[in-house]
Amino acid sequence: MRQPRADVQGQGAFGCQQGGLADGDAFGNVEALLVDGQHTLEGFHFSREHPGDVRGLSPGGNVGKIKQQNTGPARQREQNDAGDKQRLRVGGADLRAQADTHDQRQRHQPQGKSQGEGGTAFPMACRLGCVKAFHIGFSPFCAWIIARFSGLDKQGDSCDIIATTKMKEVVFMKRFVCALLAMLLVCGTAMAEFDLYIKQYPLSESGEAIINDVTFVDGWQQADDNNRVFYEIFVGSFSDSNGDGVGDLRGIINRMDYLNDGDPTSGLSLGVEGIWLTPIFLSPSYHKYDVADYYQIDPQFGTMEDLKELIELCHERDVKIILDLVINHTSTGHNWFRQFSSAHLTQNPDNIYYDYYKWLDPEEQAPAGRTYAKVAGRDLRYEANFSETMPELNFDNGAVCYAMLDVAKFYLELGVDGFRFDAAKYIYYGNHESSVEFWDWYIGKLREVKPDVYTVAEVWDGDGVIDNYLPVTSCFNFTASQTAGIIAETAGGGDVNRFTKYVESYLSGVDAISDNALGTLFISNHDMDRAAGYLTMASGRMKVAASLYLLSPGSPFIYYGEEIGLRGSRGGANTDANRRLAMLWGDGDTVRDPEGSTYTKQSTYTVKDLSRMSDSLLNHYKQLIMIRKANPEIARGEYKALAFTNTKVGGFTCTWNGSTVAVLHNTTGSDKTVDLSQATDIGFDTLAAVAGGGQAFLEGTVLTIGGQTSVVLR
């Protein structure tokens, strides 16, 4: 269900004294959109009824400028300061130009393919010191109070401020109004004149924002390795090509321009460099994690020819494709299981399928912690730890090992680049040593077929257990993900230095253990509640979380829909479908929510909506992936955490092929200044990229970075 949004019409923005909010307070980012002939911002609405008060907000324009009267001392100070300064935006990144030709301030001036000027972000501060009031949704009463006592409605002029607010904002708004009224008693009704900068990218002919503030050096090429951004697609929920309501392979083919259009500098596609398809093999369930035939594509998803076409299209665009391979168990509908049951019914131990699955004699006691199911009408019991419809294969049987090896070889020869291994630690339940031994053999055999095969295992456990598997394969980092993970903690106002120290320790540990593994950060997947639900879109924390993990080395994984703030959480043991809801395209795609879903609080916006909003979450993801590509040191470099005294600002350096970049994050809602010389002796002199809701300025070794903003330095 689309959520109401706070609207502010006409004139007005409010300044308040700096420091009015704690560092941990995070505010959402303004998103610009042209709707029904009016300029709409996420959180605010500027009516064309007052064209004199709002300027330059047209698509592809520069600056939205709101002027207010100032009759107090602050106005005089402003006039003194403003004479020799102007603010410019080029390609979506702010530049502060000084009339003084001797000013040595370093400026961020990225170059894009578009010749037009892009949009703007919030200024470093309003002239009185602003709490970025435009990030806040005002209730009608609070808005009236502010307007009344600030003098904005003097002489009968209505400031036309209307807004809505969620109940959780009420307490904050009471504090805000009280603080503002107290300030006005001291300062009078003087309001500052300041420029409101809204990030505004140029638009394509179809109305999509073009990300044009990332610079690729001449001769740039995609590195041929696995240090790339992967995108998990839950196939049945992604895109429907034939109108049956179920996503399919043809739907993914049709959406390749969205995923990767083949031009890393176009600024239009998401730009992912790898795709992980959840199981596509014949299966009786909607999720397909109970395979009935590994050599047949489920008819709901398409054909083997569709898969071949998708693989070819991916490779044309330098996108790798990996398949979800479930080898721990099959469906009870698999022919192997039917043969297994028949062999036991006829008591024929010489049958090759007699020991294909783990089973117990009627008189045997089940091992502790394991679950067994019974074949209907028989005394045969088989191990089924996930579901009675998912019997577990017996890897003590060499025939099973080679049968599953043949499956993987078949798809490698078809052209896939690797596999995600489901439930990897359960090959031998409760026995990590034996499970690791199996994977060492299995993946070693795959490397004989394809030396650069990429594998990543689901070992849903702590770092100590995951370390056992890293010598043979990459593993998802579950410690850093989910609600309690360090990514969400940091995005919510936690210690950024603690995050960078953790990542440094994690990556150095991976490198020390293995030559075959990469760091693999993510925030959610198909088995978890979606990140937008607990990070919240309005707070801007989704953008911060994305910056934290996508601007880190290794192979991060995005879960489909994460980039548009798709929500979904499990309401009980049988509602995992809520985490796998239909992608919202906004263009008539007929894909539907999967069976068993009960979640109704869906994302506010569609892909179509967000692609047209310069400052949207979707465009933030696009920009981050472009930044990562344009600065290959981030994905591949040796990571060294930088220590700062301000715990809300943190960063690291990455060195690769003799080149070093620094990445710094400000997770707060206000501007912060740090002296780089306190953390590193590397002389960075160029702002290579700025991502997020604010701006950044580098003067010598002093970096000022806007709220909820990340920067790359060279």
Foldseek 3Di string as FASTA:
>chain_A
DADDFWEFEAADDFFDAAPLDDQLFFFFFWWWFQDPNFIDIRRYTYGCVHDVQFDQSPALGEFTFGFDAFDFPLAVVCVVPPPFWDWGAALQFIFIDGNPPPDPWFTQDAFAPDPGGWFWFFAQAFSNGGLPRSRDFDAPVLVVLCCVQLVVCPPNNDSRGHTHDDPVCVVVSVSVSVSSNVVCVVGPNGGTGDIGTHGHAHADPVQFGARTRFHFDPPFDFDPAQLWAEEEDQQQFEFDDPQPQGGALVRVVVCVVQQFVLDLRRRQHLHGQEYEYEDQAADPDSSCLAHQDLVFGHVSHPGPVSVLVSLVVSVSSNHAYAYADELFWHFCNHPLNVQCVVCVVVVPPVPLSVQQFAWDQLPDDDDPPWDWDDDPPDSIIFTDRPDNRTGGTQVVRVVSLVVSLVSVLVVVVSRHQAYEYEPQCVSPDPDNVVSLVSLQVSLVVVCVSPVNRAYEYEPPDAPVSVLSNLARHAYEHNQQADCPHPLLVLLSRFFVLVLLVVLLVVQVSSVVRYPHYWHEYEHDELQAWQPCVNSPNRSQSLLLSLLSPLLAATYYYHYPPSQQSWGFHDPDPQASLRSVAHAFAPPPGSHGRDPRHDDDPTGNDHPVRQSNISQGSNSLSSVSSSNCSSPVQRHDFNWDWFDDPPRQKTWIWGDDPRDIKIKMFRSGQHKDKDQQVVGDPDFWRHFSDKGDNYHWIGDGRMIIHGHGMMTMTD
